[in-house]
């Protein structure tokens, strides 16, 4: 796929190298289990057979099945960040956050589309599906994952490795600002589209979609542990699709509080 970038701007693969150094380790806790995820208009069933291979199938509005790569990380007690690539859908990647105790689920699909299809928006649209684990919704406990304004005004430092530190400022319900403090992108920064969901107490999902180059992310923020766990889907300098892991030690830097009636959108 075509990957045009501004002069002097780094390619996705230039900064992705090493960005998983501070990532939590993969977990084999789901191997041998069957996860039946009830999502809006379809059911997704996941059956991990080893730490990096699972079978999946869909019934309902979405149809498909396959056996593909995945990685599961326990990002909080009983809570798993499951990232899946599907060979039959090479321009997509699926991330599912599942709490096996509360039975709450949030699934995020990232895609890479053409410049023409994007129509001036980032080439990496995302879909969000809130659901439940199992077939009995009455068995769920805890809060329903939902869009949140809790992070608006917060500034964090994200240290992915000794050579990757970024500053984030969550500006509004749809945008965030970033700048590179340490790394090959040092001095670079931008404002991109963002989405925020609250998953549980002190647990949030943060995603972004870049304008300048086709890169999307999905991250799980565990503020109690000071850890950020996620992935990037993007195009390399050679125009190839890459789904890369990432993880950071996360620190809160400051919080802006807005006067009533003057809050960001």
Protein backbone atom coordinates (compact mmCIF):
# COMPACT_ATOMS: atom_id res chain seq x y z
CA UNK A 1 0.00 0.00 0.00
CA UNK A 2 1.09 3.58 -0.62
CA UNK A 3 2.71 5.38 2.33
CA UNK A 4 3.42 9.04 1.67
CA UNK A 5 4.85 11.03 4.57
CA UNK A 6 5.94 14.65 5.08
CA UNK A 7 9.60 15.45 4.43
CA UNK A 8 11.68 14.80 7.54
CA UNK A 9 8.93 12.79 9.22
CA UNK A 10 9.92 9.35 10.50
CA UNK A 11 8.38 6.16 9.15
CA UNK A 12 6.35 3.95 11.45
CA UNK A 13 9.08 1.30 11.53
CA UNK A 14 11.72 3.91 12.46
CA UNK A 15 10.18 4.48 15.89
CA UNK A 16 8.49 1.08 16.42
CA UNK A 17 11.81 -0.74 16.89
CA UNK A 18 12.27 -1.39 20.61
CA UNK A 19 8.99 0.19 21.67
CA UNK A 20 7.92 -3.07 23.35
CA UNK A 21 10.95 -3.19 25.70
CA UNK A 22 8.85 -2.26 28.75
CA UNK A 23 5.85 -4.35 27.75
CA UNK A 24 4.38 -6.83 30.20
CA UNK A 25 5.06 -10.51 29.33
CA UNK A 26 2.61 -12.63 27.39
CA UNK A 27 0.35 -14.96 29.37
CA UNK A 28 -0.62 -18.57 28.66
CA UNK A 29 -3.54 -18.43 31.11
CA UNK A 30 -6.18 -18.60 28.37
CA UNK A 31 -4.73 -21.66 26.59
CA UNK A 32 -7.29 -24.47 26.47
CA UNK A 33 -10.21 -22.18 27.29
CA UNK A 34 -13.08 -21.10 25.02
CA UNK A 35 -14.13 -17.46 25.19
CA UNK A 36 -17.57 -16.73 23.76
CA UNK A 37 -17.84 -12.97 23.35
CA UNK A 38 -21.30 -11.50 22.79
CA UNK A 39 -20.78 -8.27 20.85
CA UNK A 40 -23.33 -6.00 19.14
CA UNK A 41 -24.91 -7.96 16.25
CA UNK A 42 -22.45 -10.87 16.36
CA UNK A 43 -20.78 -13.47 18.56
CA UNK A 44 -17.01 -13.97 18.45
CA UNK A 45 -15.62 -17.25 19.82
CA UNK A 46 -11.91 -17.52 20.65
CA UNK A 47 -10.18 -20.82 21.44
CA UNK A 48 -6.44 -20.46 22.19
CA UNK A 49 -4.50 -23.67 21.56
CA UNK A 50 -1.07 -22.40 22.61
CA UNK A 51 0.36 -19.06 23.81
CA UNK A 52 0.38 -17.58 20.30
CA UNK A 53 -2.19 -19.54 18.27
CA UNK A 54 -5.98 -19.54 18.45
CA UNK A 55 -9.03 -20.52 16.44
CA UNK A 56 -11.74 -17.92 16.04
CA UNK A 57 -15.22 -17.87 14.53
CA UNK A 58 -18.00 -15.33 14.12
CA UNK A 59 -21.76 -15.80 13.97
CA UNK A 60 -24.28 -13.08 13.18
CA UNK A 61 -23.75 -9.86 11.26
CA UNK A 62 -20.05 -10.69 10.88
CA UNK A 63 -19.08 -14.03 9.37
CA UNK A 64 -15.67 -15.63 9.36
CA UNK A 65 -13.39 -18.17 10.94
CA UNK A 66 -9.74 -19.05 11.01
CA UNK A 67 -6.69 -20.07 12.97
CA UNK A 68 -4.27 -17.21 13.54
CA UNK A 69 -1.65 -15.51 15.70
CA UNK A 70 -2.62 -13.85 18.95
CA UNK A 71 -1.03 -12.60 22.13
CA UNK A 72 -2.70 -12.32 25.54
CA UNK A 73 -1.33 -10.19 28.38
CA UNK A 74 -2.80 -10.04 31.86
CA UNK A 75 -2.88 -6.26 32.26
CA UNK A 76 -4.75 -6.31 35.60
CA UNK A 77 -6.07 -9.13 37.81
CA UNK A 78 -8.37 -11.32 35.66
CA UNK A 79 -8.15 -8.77 32.83
CA UNK A 80 -6.55 -9.70 29.51
CA UNK A 81 -5.41 -7.62 26.55
CA UNK A 82 -5.80 -9.98 23.57
CA UNK A 83 -4.37 -8.86 20.24
CA UNK A 84 -5.22 -10.87 17.11
CA UNK A 85 -4.14 -10.73 13.47
CA UNK A 86 -6.28 -12.56 10.91
CA UNK A 87 -4.69 -13.80 7.70
CA UNK A 88 -8.02 -13.50 5.89
CA UNK A 89 -8.17 -9.78 6.81
CA UNK A 90 -4.62 -8.52 6.21
CA UNK A 91 -5.54 -4.83 6.46
CA UNK A 92 -7.11 -5.24 9.92
CA UNK A 93 -6.17 -6.20 13.46
CA UNK A 94 -8.47 -6.96 16.36
CA UNK A 95 -7.87 -6.20 20.04
CA UNK A 96 -10.15 -7.56 22.76
CA UNK A 97 -10.04 -6.59 26.44
CA UNK A 98 -11.74 -9.23 28.61
CA UNK A 99 -12.26 -9.42 32.35
CA UNK A 100 -12.90 -13.09 33.11
CA UNK A 101 -14.32 -12.26 36.57
CA UNK A 102 -16.74 -9.40 35.77
CA UNK A 103 -17.37 -10.83 32.25
CA UNK A 104 -17.00 -7.36 30.71
CA UNK A 105 -15.60 -7.05 27.17
CA UNK A 106 -14.43 -4.26 24.88
CA UNK A 107 -13.32 -5.11 21.33
CA UNK A 108 -11.53 -2.66 19.00
CA UNK A 109 -10.96 -3.23 15.30
CA UNK A 110 -8.24 -1.19 13.55
CA UNK A 111 -8.10 -0.98 9.76
CA UNK A 112 -5.85 0.58 7.13
CA UNK A 113 -7.72 2.08 4.18
CA UNK A 114 -6.76 4.05 1.07
CA UNK A 115 -6.23 7.81 1.02
CA UNK A 116 -9.27 8.13 -1.24
CA UNK A 117 -11.51 6.15 1.12
CA UNK A 118 -10.29 8.18 4.11
CA UNK A 119 -11.44 11.45 2.56
CA UNK A 120 -9.05 13.67 4.53
CA UNK A 121 -9.43 11.75 7.79
CA UNK A 122 -6.71 9.41 9.16
CA UNK A 123 -6.34 6.23 7.08
CA UNK A 124 -6.72 4.08 10.18
CA UNK A 125 -10.39 4.02 11.30
CA UNK A 126 -11.36 2.11 14.43
CA UNK A 127 -14.56 0.37 15.51
CA UNK A 128 -15.50 -0.15 19.18
CA UNK A 129 -17.79 -2.94 20.39
CA UNK A 130 -18.88 -3.26 24.03
CA UNK A 131 -19.98 -6.76 24.99
CA UNK A 132 -20.01 -9.56 27.54
CA UNK A 133 -18.27 -12.88 28.07
CA UNK A 134 -20.64 -15.85 27.94
CA UNK A 135 -24.33 -16.11 27.13
CA UNK A 136 -25.81 -14.80 30.39
CA UNK A 137 -25.63 -10.97 30.56
CA UNK A 138 -27.20 -11.06 34.03
CA UNK A 139 -24.02 -12.71 35.34
CA UNK A 140 -21.91 -9.62 34.62
CA UNK A 141 -20.68 -7.40 37.43
CA UNK A 142 -18.83 -4.10 37.61
CA UNK A 143 -19.15 -1.07 35.33
CA UNK A 144 -20.06 -1.36 31.65
CA UNK A 145 -17.11 -0.17 29.49
CA UNK A 146 -18.10 3.21 28.08
CA UNK A 147 -16.65 6.37 26.52
CA UNK A 148 -15.26 8.67 29.19
CA UNK A 149 -14.11 12.24 29.73
CA UNK A 150 -12.01 11.29 32.78
CA UNK A 151 -8.67 11.72 30.98
CA UNK A 152 -9.36 15.16 29.46
CA UNK A 153 -6.76 17.61 30.79
CA UNK A 154 -4.37 14.87 31.94
CA UNK A 155 -0.71 14.90 30.87
CA UNK A 156 1.33 11.67 31.09
CA UNK A 157 4.85 10.49 30.36
CA UNK A 158 5.14 7.13 28.59
CA UNK A 159 8.54 5.39 28.75
CA UNK A 160 8.56 2.46 26.32
CA UNK A 161 12.31 1.81 26.56
CA UNK A 162 15.51 3.67 27.55
CA UNK A 163 15.36 5.25 24.08
CA UNK A 164 11.59 5.90 23.82
CA UNK A 165 9.82 8.47 26.01
CA UNK A 166 6.73 10.36 24.87
CA UNK A 167 4.55 12.98 26.50
CA UNK A 168 0.78 12.79 26.00
CA UNK A 169 -1.78 15.50 26.70
CA UNK A 170 -5.40 14.41 26.39
CA UNK A 171 -6.94 17.59 25.00
CA UNK A 172 -10.60 16.78 24.38
CA UNK A 173 -13.05 13.95 23.81
CA UNK A 174 -11.67 13.45 20.30
CA UNK A 175 -8.06 14.72 20.23
CA UNK A 176 -4.76 14.36 22.03
CA UNK A 177 -1.32 15.96 21.65
CA UNK A 178 1.99 14.13 21.75
CA UNK A 179 5.66 14.96 21.59
CA UNK A 180 8.75 12.78 21.65
CA UNK A 181 11.09 13.58 24.54
CA UNK A 182 13.58 10.73 23.98
CA UNK A 183 14.04 8.76 20.76
CA UNK A 184 14.37 9.01 16.99
CA UNK A 185 11.30 11.26 16.85
CA UNK A 186 12.71 13.73 19.41
CA UNK A 187 11.39 17.18 18.58
CA UNK A 188 8.46 15.79 16.63
CA UNK A 189 4.90 16.13 17.88
CA UNK A 190 1.36 16.52 16.62
CA UNK A 191 -2.33 16.55 17.50
CA UNK A 192 -4.23 13.45 16.39
CA UNK A 193 -7.66 11.88 16.77
CA UNK A 194 -8.22 9.90 19.97
CA UNK A 195 -10.85 7.83 21.78
CA UNK A 196 -11.11 7.01 25.48
CA UNK A 197 -13.08 4.29 27.27
CA UNK A 198 -13.26 3.56 30.98
CA UNK A 199 -13.02 -0.19 31.55
CA UNK A 200 -12.96 -0.33 35.35
CA UNK A 201 -11.66 1.68 38.30
CA UNK A 202 -8.28 3.21 37.34
CA UNK A 203 -8.40 1.25 34.05
CA UNK A 204 -8.83 2.95 30.69
CA UNK A 205 -8.52 2.16 27.00
CA UNK A 206 -6.85 4.90 24.95
CA UNK A 207 -6.61 4.79 21.16
CA UNK A 208 -5.31 7.20 18.56
CA UNK A 209 -5.37 7.65 14.78
CA UNK A 210 -2.55 9.66 13.19
CA UNK A 211 -3.00 12.16 10.38
CA UNK A 212 0.54 12.44 8.97
CA UNK A 213 1.22 8.72 8.55
CA UNK A 214 -1.20 5.75 8.68
CA UNK A 215 -0.74 4.53 12.26
CA UNK A 216 -3.38 3.57 14.83
CA UNK A 217 -2.92 2.39 18.40
CA UNK A 218 -4.83 0.64 21.16
CA UNK A 219 -3.55 0.92 24.74
CA UNK A 220 -4.78 -0.31 28.12
CA UNK A 221 -3.88 2.11 30.92
CA UNK A 222 -3.58 0.60 34.40
CA UNK A 223 -2.97 3.68 36.53
CA UNK A 224 -2.81 1.68 39.77
CA UNK A 225 0.17 -0.26 38.40
CA UNK A 226 1.65 2.60 36.36
CA UNK A 227 1.69 0.43 33.22
CA UNK A 228 0.51 1.02 29.68
CA UNK A 229 0.10 -2.02 27.41
CA UNK A 230 -0.79 -1.82 23.75
CA UNK A 231 -0.12 -2.16 20.05
CA UNK A 232 0.32 -0.16 16.86
CA UNK A 233 -1.08 -0.99 13.43
CA UNK A 234 0.51 0.93 10.59
CA UNK A 235 2.34 1.03 7.27
CA UNK A 236 6.12 0.72 7.17
CA UNK A 237 8.32 2.85 4.94
CA UNK A 238 8.13 0.04 2.37
CA UNK A 239 4.33 0.20 2.38
CA UNK A 240 3.89 -3.08 4.26
CA UNK A 241 1.29 -3.53 7.00
CA UNK A 242 2.78 -4.15 10.45
CA UNK A 243 1.08 -4.89 13.76
CA UNK A 244 3.61 -4.17 16.51
CA UNK A 245 3.44 -4.64 20.29
CA UNK A 246 4.21 -1.80 22.69
CA UNK A 247 4.30 -1.20 26.41
CA UNK A 248 5.40 1.54 28.78
CA UNK A 249 5.97 2.61 32.33
CA UNK A 250 3.45 5.41 32.71
CA UNK A 251 3.55 8.45 35.01
CA UNK A 252 0.99 11.18 35.56
CA UNK A 253 2.64 14.58 35.04
CA UNK A 254 -0.18 17.08 35.62
CA UNK A 255 -3.91 17.69 35.35
CA UNK A 256 -5.73 20.74 34.01
CA UNK A 257 -9.08 21.57 35.58
CA UNK A 258 -11.49 23.66 33.53
CA UNK A 259 -14.04 26.19 34.71
CA UNK A 260 -17.67 25.17 34.34
CA UNK A 261 -18.90 26.05 30.87
CA UNK A 262 -15.34 26.27 29.48
CA UNK A 263 -14.57 22.56 29.25
CA UNK A 264 -13.22 21.12 25.98
CA UNK A 265 -15.70 19.32 23.75
